[in-house]
PDB file of N, CA and C in Angstrom:
ATOM      1  N   MET A   1       0.846  -1.157   0.000  1.00  0.00           N
ATOM      2  CA  MET A   1       0.000   0.000   0.000  1.00  0.00           C
ATOM      3  C   MET A   1       0.901   1.232   0.000  1.00  0.00           C
ATOM      4  N   SER A   2       0.568   2.210  -0.791  1.00  0.00           N
ATOM      5  CA  SER A   2       1.386   3.408  -0.865  1.00  0.00           C
ATOM      6  C   SER A   2       1.224   4.257   0.394  1.00  0.00           C
ATOM      7  N   LEU A   3       2.167   5.142   0.613  1.00  0.00           N
ATOM      8  CA  LEU A   3       2.141   6.001   1.792  1.00  0.00           C
ATOM      9  C   LEU A   3       0.925   6.935   1.761  1.00  0.00           C
ATOM     10  N   ASP A   4       0.593   7.466   0.586  1.00  0.00           N
ATOM     11  CA  ASP A   4      -0.574   8.360   0.475  1.00  0.00           C
ATOM     12  C   ASP A   4      -1.861   7.639   0.862  1.00  0.00           C
ATOM     13  N   LEU A   5      -2.033   6.430   0.359  1.00  0.00           N
ATOM     14  CA  LEU A   5      -3.232   5.656   0.663  1.00  0.00           C
ATOM     15  C   LEU A   5      -3.292   5.301   2.148  1.00  0.00           C
ATOM     16  N   THR A   6      -2.151   4.967   2.723  1.00  0.00           N
ATOM     17  CA  THR A   6      -2.095   4.655   4.154  1.00  0.00           C
ATOM     18  C   THR A   6      -2.462   5.864   4.993  1.00  0.00           C
ATOM     19  N   MET A   7      -1.987   7.035   4.621  1.00  0.00           N
ATOM     20  CA  MET A   7      -2.292   8.259   5.366  1.00  0.00           C
ATOM     21  C   MET A   7      -3.781   8.614   5.260  1.00  0.00           C
ATOM     22  N   ILE A   8      -4.345   8.488   4.074  1.00  0.00           N
ATOM     23  CA  ILE A   8      -5.772   8.778   3.894  1.00  0.00           C
ATOM     24  C   ILE A   8      -6.612   7.802   4.701  1.00  0.00           C
ATOM     25  N   PHE A   9      -6.250   6.524   4.676  1.00  0.00           N
ATOM     26  CA  PHE A   9      -6.966   5.516   5.452  1.00  0.00           C
ATOM     27  C   PHE A   9      -6.879   5.822   6.943  1.00  0.00           C
ATOM     28  N   SER A  10      -5.688   6.127   7.437  1.00  0.00           N
ATOM     29  CA  SER A  10      -5.496   6.424   8.858  1.00  0.00           C
ATOM     30  C   SER A  10      -6.290   7.649   9.283  1.00  0.00           C
ATOM     31  N   LEU A  11      -6.306   8.680   8.465  1.00  0.00           N
ATOM     32  CA  LEU A  11      -7.067   9.887   8.773  1.00  0.00           C
ATOM     33  C   LEU A  11      -8.562   9.589   8.804  1.00  0.00           C
ATOM     34  N   THR A  12      -9.041   8.807   7.868  1.00  0.00           N
ATOM     35  CA  THR A  12     -10.459   8.452   7.828  1.00  0.00           C
ATOM     36  C   THR A  12     -10.862   7.643   9.056  1.00  0.00           C
ATOM     37  N   VAL A  13     -10.058   6.675   9.438  1.00  0.00           N
ATOM     38  CA  VAL A  13     -10.348   5.867  10.626  1.00  0.00           C
ATOM     39  C   VAL A  13     -10.330   6.741  11.875  1.00  0.00           C
ATOM     40  N   PHE A  14      -9.377   7.654  11.968  1.00  0.00           N
ATOM     41  CA  PHE A  14      -9.290   8.535  13.135  1.00  0.00           C
ATOM     42  C   PHE A  14     -10.521   9.425  13.241  1.00  0.00           C
ATOM     43  N   ILE A  15     -10.926  10.028  12.151  1.00  0.00           N
ATOM     44  CA  ILE A  15     -12.081  10.938  12.178  1.00  0.00           C
ATOM     45  C   ILE A  15     -13.357  10.187  12.529  1.00  0.00           C
ATOM     46  N   THR A  16     -13.561   9.029  11.931  1.00  0.00           N
ATOM     47  CA  THR A  16     -14.783   8.273  12.238  1.00  0.00           C
ATOM     48  C   THR A  16     -14.756   7.710  13.654  1.00  0.00           C
ATOM     49  N   SER A  17     -13.586   7.528  14.234  1.00  0.00           N
ATOM     50  CA  SER A  17     -13.493   7.006  15.595  1.00  0.00           C
ATOM     51  C   SER A  17     -13.807   8.065  16.645  1.00  0.00           C
ATOM     52  N   ILE A  18     -13.495   9.322  16.376  1.00  0.00           N
ATOM     53  CA  ILE A  18     -13.699  10.348  17.396  1.00  0.00           C
ATOM     54  C   ILE A  18     -15.090  10.963  17.363  1.00  0.00           C
ATOM     55  N   ILE A  19     -15.855  10.698  16.315  1.00  0.00           N
ATOM     56  CA  ILE A  19     -17.209  11.231  16.230  1.00  0.00           C
ATOM     57  C   ILE A  19     -18.134  10.333  17.058  1.00  0.00           C
ATOM     58  N   PRO A  20     -18.787  10.899  18.078  1.00  0.00           N
ATOM     59  CA  PRO A  20     -19.658  10.047  18.895  1.00  0.00           C
ATOM     60  C   PRO A  20     -20.939   9.678  18.147  1.00  0.00           C
ATOM     61  N   GLY A  21     -21.274   8.436  18.195  1.00  0.00           N
ATOM     62  CA  GLY A  21     -22.500   7.959  17.564  1.00  0.00           C
ATOM     63  C   GLY A  21     -23.556   7.691  18.609  1.00  0.00           C
ATOM     64  N   PRO A  22     -24.668   7.104  18.205  1.00  0.00           N
ATOM     65  CA  PRO A  22     -25.742   6.838  19.148  1.00  0.00           C
ATOM     66  C   PRO A  22     -25.332   5.902  20.285  1.00  0.00           C
ATOM     67  N   SER A  23     -24.456   4.956  20.006  1.00  0.00           N
ATOM     68  CA  SER A  23     -24.022   4.032  21.057  1.00  0.00           C
ATOM     69  C   SER A  23     -23.208   4.753  22.126  1.00  0.00           C
ATOM     70  N   MET A  24     -22.351   5.665  21.704  1.00  0.00           N
ATOM     71  CA  MET A  24     -21.552   6.426  22.663  1.00  0.00           C
ATOM     72  C   MET A  24     -22.439   7.352  23.489  1.00  0.00           C
ATOM     73  N   LEU A  25     -23.411   7.966  22.841  1.00  0.00           N
ATOM     74  CA  LEU A  25     -24.322   8.838  23.571  1.00  0.00           C
ATOM     75  C   LEU A  25     -25.156   8.043  24.577  1.00  0.00           C
ATOM     76  N   LEU A  26     -25.560   6.825  24.213  1.00  0.00           N
ATOM     77  CA  LEU A  26     -26.283   5.961  25.141  1.00  0.00           C
ATOM     78  C   LEU A  26     -25.408   5.609  26.341  1.00  0.00           C
ATOM     79  N   ALA A  27     -24.150   5.273  26.094  1.00  0.00           N
ATOM     80  CA  ALA A  27     -23.233   4.923  27.176  1.00  0.00           C
ATOM     81  C   ALA A  27     -22.997   6.123  28.099  1.00  0.00           C
ATOM     82  N   LEU A  28     -22.834   7.301  27.532  1.00  0.00           N
ATOM     83  CA  LEU A  28     -22.641   8.493  28.354  1.00  0.00           C
ATOM     84  C   LEU A  28     -23.870   8.787  29.202  1.00  0.00           C
ATOM     85  N   THR A  29     -25.041   8.677  28.601  1.00  0.00           N
ATOM     86  CA  THR A  29     -26.283   8.929  29.331  1.00  0.00           C
ATOM     87  C   THR A  29     -26.467   7.915  30.452  1.00  0.00           C
ATOM     88  N   HIS A  30     -26.242   6.642  30.168  1.00  0.00           N
ATOM     89  CA  HIS A  30     -26.381   5.614  31.204  1.00  0.00           C
ATOM     90  C   HIS A  30     -25.338   5.801  32.298  1.00  0.00           C
ATOM     91  N   GLY A  31     -24.140   6.212  31.919  1.00  0.00           N
ATOM     92  CA  GLY A  31     -23.094   6.449  32.908  1.00  0.00           C
ATOM     93  C   GLY A  31     -23.462   7.553  33.878  1.00  0.00           C
ATOM     94  N   MET A  32     -24.082   8.599  33.389  1.00  0.00           N
ATOM     95  CA  MET A  32     -24.477   9.709  34.249  1.00  0.00           C
ATOM     96  C   MET A  32     -25.702   9.370  35.098  1.00  0.00           C
ATOM     97  N   GLN A  33     -26.612   8.595  34.546  1.00  0.00           N
ATOM     98  CA  GLN A  33     -27.862   8.328  35.253  1.00  0.00           C
ATOM     99  C   GLN A  33     -27.796   7.110  36.170  1.00  0.00           C
ATOM    100  N   TYR A  34     -27.126   6.043  35.742  1.00  0.00           N
ATOM    101  CA  TYR A  34     -27.226   4.778  36.456  1.00  0.00           C
ATOM    102  C   TYR A  34     -25.930   4.282  37.079  1.00  0.00           C
ATOM    103  N   GLY A  35     -24.800   4.827  36.715  1.00  0.00           N
ATOM    104  CA  GLY A  35     -23.535   4.368  37.274  1.00  0.00           C
ATOM    105  C   GLY A  35     -22.816   3.381  36.369  1.00  0.00           C
ATOM    106  N   ALA A  36     -21.649   2.959  36.846  1.00  0.00           N
ATOM    107  CA  ALA A  36     -20.743   2.154  36.022  1.00  0.00           C
ATOM    108  C   ALA A  36     -21.270   0.749  35.739  1.00  0.00           C
ATOM    109  N   ARG A  37     -21.849   0.099  36.750  1.00  0.00           N
ATOM    110  CA  ARG A  37     -22.277  -1.298  36.578  1.00  0.00           C
ATOM    111  C   ARG A  37     -23.311  -1.440  35.459  1.00  0.00           C
ATOM    112  N   LYS A  38     -24.346  -0.617  35.478  1.00  0.00           N
ATOM    113  CA  LYS A  38     -25.381  -0.704  34.448  1.00  0.00           C
ATOM    114  C   LYS A  38     -24.866  -0.218  33.097  1.00  0.00           C
ATOM    115  N   THR A  39     -23.901   0.692  33.126  1.00  0.00           N
ATOM    116  CA  THR A  39     -23.311   1.150  31.865  1.00  0.00           C
ATOM    117  C   THR A  39     -22.523   0.035  31.198  1.00  0.00           C
ATOM    118  N   VAL A  40     -21.806  -0.758  31.973  1.00  0.00           N
ATOM    119  CA  VAL A  40     -21.045  -1.885  31.416  1.00  0.00           C
ATOM    120  C   VAL A  40     -22.003  -2.908  30.813  1.00  0.00           C
ATOM    121  N   ILE A  41     -23.104  -3.168  31.487  1.00  0.00           N
ATOM    122  CA  ILE A  41     -24.094  -4.106  30.955  1.00  0.00           C
ATOM    123  C   ILE A  41     -24.662  -3.580  29.640  1.00  0.00           C
ATOM    124  N   SER A  42     -24.948  -2.297  29.585  1.00  0.00           N
ATOM    125  CA  SER A  42     -25.453  -1.681  28.359  1.00  0.00           C
ATOM    126  C   SER A  42     -24.412  -1.767  27.233  1.00  0.00           C
ATOM    127  N   ALA A  43     -23.154  -1.523  27.573  1.00  0.00           N
ATOM    128  CA  ALA A  43     -22.083  -1.594  26.567  1.00  0.00           C
ATOM    129  C   ALA A  43     -21.923  -3.017  26.037  1.00  0.00           C
ATOM    130  N   LEU A  44     -22.037  -4.011  26.908  1.00  0.00           N
ATOM    131  CA  LEU A  44     -21.944  -5.408  26.457  1.00  0.00           C
ATOM    132  C   LEU A  44     -23.104  -5.752  25.522  1.00  0.00           C
ATOM    133  N   GLY A  45     -24.288  -5.234  25.814  1.00  0.00           N
ATOM    134  CA  GLY A  45     -25.418  -5.432  24.908  1.00  0.00           C
ATOM    135  C   GLY A  45     -25.165  -4.799  23.555  1.00  0.00           C
ATOM    136  N   ASN A  46     -24.557  -3.617  23.566  1.00  0.00           N
ATOM    137  CA  ASN A  46     -24.241  -2.929  22.312  1.00  0.00           C
ATOM    138  C   ASN A  46     -23.212  -3.713  21.500  1.00  0.00           C
ATOM    139  N   VAL A  47     -22.191  -4.232  22.163  1.00  0.00           N
ATOM    140  CA  VAL A  47     -21.164  -5.021  21.473  1.00  0.00           C
ATOM    141  C   VAL A  47     -21.769  -6.296  20.898  1.00  0.00           C
ATOM    142  N   THR A  48     -22.653  -6.928  21.654  1.00  0.00           N
ATOM    143  CA  THR A  48     -23.308  -8.145  21.179  1.00  0.00           C
ATOM    144  C   THR A  48     -24.150  -7.868  19.942  1.00  0.00           C
ATOM    145  N   ALA A  49     -24.914  -6.785  19.967  1.00  0.00           N
ATOM    146  CA  ALA A  49     -25.741  -6.427  18.810  1.00  0.00           C
ATOM    147  C   ALA A  49     -24.877  -6.104  17.591  1.00  0.00           C
ATOM    148  N   THR A  50     -23.778  -5.412  17.808  1.00  0.00           N
ATOM    149  CA  THR A  50     -22.874  -5.088  16.698  1.00  0.00           C
ATOM    150  C   THR A  50     -22.267  -6.355  16.113  1.00  0.00           C
ATOM    151  N   PHE A  51     -21.891  -7.306  16.962  1.00  0.00           N
ATOM    152  CA  PHE A  51     -21.339  -8.571  16.495  1.00  0.00           C
ATOM    153  C   PHE A  51     -22.369  -9.338  15.670  1.00  0.00           C
ATOM    154  N   ILE A  52     -23.605  -9.370  16.125  1.00  0.00           N
ATOM    155  CA  ILE A  52     -24.658 -10.080  15.385  1.00  0.00           C
ATOM    156  C   ILE A  52     -24.888  -9.422  14.027  1.00  0.00           C
ATOM    157  N   GLN A  53     -24.909  -8.101  14.000  1.00  0.00           N
ATOM    158  CA  GLN A  53     -25.087  -7.397  12.725  1.00  0.00           C
ATOM    159  C   GLN A  53     -23.936  -7.691  11.763  1.00  0.00           C
ATOM    160  N   ALA A  54     -22.719  -7.704  12.271  1.00  0.00           N
ATOM    161  CA  ALA A  54     -21.564  -8.006  11.422  1.00  0.00           C
ATOM    162  C   ALA A  54     -21.620  -9.439  10.911  1.00  0.00           C
ATOM    163  N   LEU A  55     -22.000 -10.358  11.773  1.00  0.00           N
ATOM    164  CA  LEU A  55     -22.101 -11.761  11.377  1.00  0.00           C
ATOM    165  C   LEU A  55     -23.149 -11.954  10.283  1.00  0.00           C
ATOM    166  N   VAL A  56     -24.311 -11.346  10.445  1.00  0.00           N
ATOM    167  CA  VAL A  56     -25.370 -11.449   9.430  1.00  0.00           C
ATOM    168  C   VAL A  56     -24.903 -10.838   8.111  1.00  0.00           C
ATOM    169  N   SER A  57     -24.201  -9.720   8.201  1.00  0.00           N
ATOM    170  CA  SER A  57     -23.698  -9.065   6.994  1.00  0.00           C
ATOM    171  C   SER A  57     -22.681  -9.935   6.256  1.00  0.00           C
ATOM    172  N   VAL A  58     -21.756 -10.527   6.989  1.00  0.00           N
ATOM    173  CA  VAL A  58     -20.729 -11.376   6.372  1.00  0.00           C
ATOM    174  C   VAL A  58     -21.352 -12.630   5.764  1.00  0.00           C
ATOM    175  N   VAL A  59     -22.283 -13.244   6.485  1.00  0.00           N
ATOM    176  CA  VAL A  59     -22.941 -14.455   5.972  1.00  0.00           C
ATOM    177  C   VAL A  59     -23.749 -14.117   4.714  1.00  0.00           C
ATOM    178  N   GLY A  60     -24.432 -12.977   4.731  1.00  0.00           N
ATOM    179  CA  GLY A  60     -25.208 -12.565   3.557  1.00  0.00           C
ATOM    180  C   GLY A  60     -24.321 -12.289   2.356  1.00  0.00           C
ATOM    181  N   LEU A  61     -23.199 -11.613   2.588  1.00  0.00           N
ATOM    182  CA  LEU A  61     -22.279 -11.332   1.490  1.00  0.00           C
ATOM    183  C   LEU A  61     -21.665 -12.620   0.959  1.00  0.00           C
ATOM    184  N   GLY A  62     -21.325 -13.529   1.859  1.00  0.00           N
ATOM    185  CA  GLY A  62     -20.782 -14.829   1.427  1.00  0.00           C
ATOM    186  C   GLY A  62     -21.785 -15.605   0.603  1.00  0.00           C
ATOM    187  N   THR A  63     -23.059 -15.560   1.001  1.00  0.00           N
ATOM    188  CA  THR A  63     -24.103 -16.249   0.235  1.00  0.00           C
ATOM    189  C   THR A  63     -24.238 -15.652  -1.150  1.00  0.00           C
ATOM    190  N   LEU A  64     -24.196 -14.328  -1.225  1.00  0.00           N
ATOM    191  CA  LEU A  64     -24.274 -13.682  -2.542  1.00  0.00           C
ATOM    192  C   LEU A  64     -23.082 -14.055  -3.422  1.00  0.00           C
ATOM    193  N   LEU A  65     -21.897 -14.100  -2.849  1.00  0.00           N
ATOM    194  CA  LEU A  65     -20.721 -14.453  -3.638  1.00  0.00           C
ATOM    195  C   LEU A  65     -20.781 -15.887  -4.143  1.00  0.00           C
ATOM    196  N   VAL A  66     -21.256 -16.796  -3.322  1.00  0.00           N
ATOM    197  CA  VAL A  66     -21.373 -18.198  -3.736  1.00  0.00           C
ATOM    198  C   VAL A  66     -22.460 -18.355  -4.795  1.00  0.00           C
ATOM    199  N   ALA A  67     -23.568 -17.627  -4.641  1.00  0.00           N
ATOM    200  CA  ALA A  67     -24.702 -17.771  -5.546  1.00  0.00           C
ATOM    201  C   ALA A  67     -24.408 -17.203  -6.939  1.00  0.00           C
ATOM    202  N   SER A  68     -23.649 -16.131  -7.000  1.00  0.00           N
ATOM    203  CA  SER A  68     -23.426 -15.507  -8.308  1.00  0.00           C
ATOM    204  C   SER A  68     -21.967 -15.051  -8.421  1.00  0.00           C
ATOM    205  N   GLU A  69     -21.087 -15.996  -8.639  1.00  0.00           N
ATOM    206  CA  GLU A  69     -19.667 -15.688  -8.761  1.00  0.00           C
ATOM    207  C   GLU A  69     -19.377 -14.797  -9.954  1.00  0.00           C
ATOM    208  N   THR A  70     -20.109 -14.961 -11.023  1.00  0.00           N
ATOM    209  CA  THR A  70     -19.833 -14.182 -12.224  1.00  0.00           C
ATOM    210  C   THR A  70     -20.151 -12.708 -12.042  1.00  0.00           C
ATOM    211  N   ASP A  71     -21.107 -12.373 -11.183  1.00  0.00           N
ATOM    212  CA  ASP A  71     -21.425 -10.966 -10.939  1.00  0.00           C
ATOM    213  C   ASP A  71     -20.332 -10.253 -10.175  1.00  0.00           C
ATOM    214  N   PHE A  72     -19.559 -11.017  -9.404  1.00  0.00           N
ATOM    215  CA  PHE A  72     -18.517 -10.397  -8.617  1.00  0.00           C
ATOM    216  C   PHE A  72     -17.149 -10.663  -9.207  1.00  0.00           C
TER     217      PHE A  72
END
């Protein structure tokens, strides 16, 4: 990978990482209202949901690739 492409990729990952999304706002709100214990439980639920979404996405993409190799 060229240095320019690596720098653009790193900058993009950094910018998208520092922007708070709905999950971060939920964690901050729960942290202020309920304390650390319930916030950790909420964060684990968020990680679990994200993992399930990623798994479904990968399985779906794999199914599409197997079903129509010529399209890809």
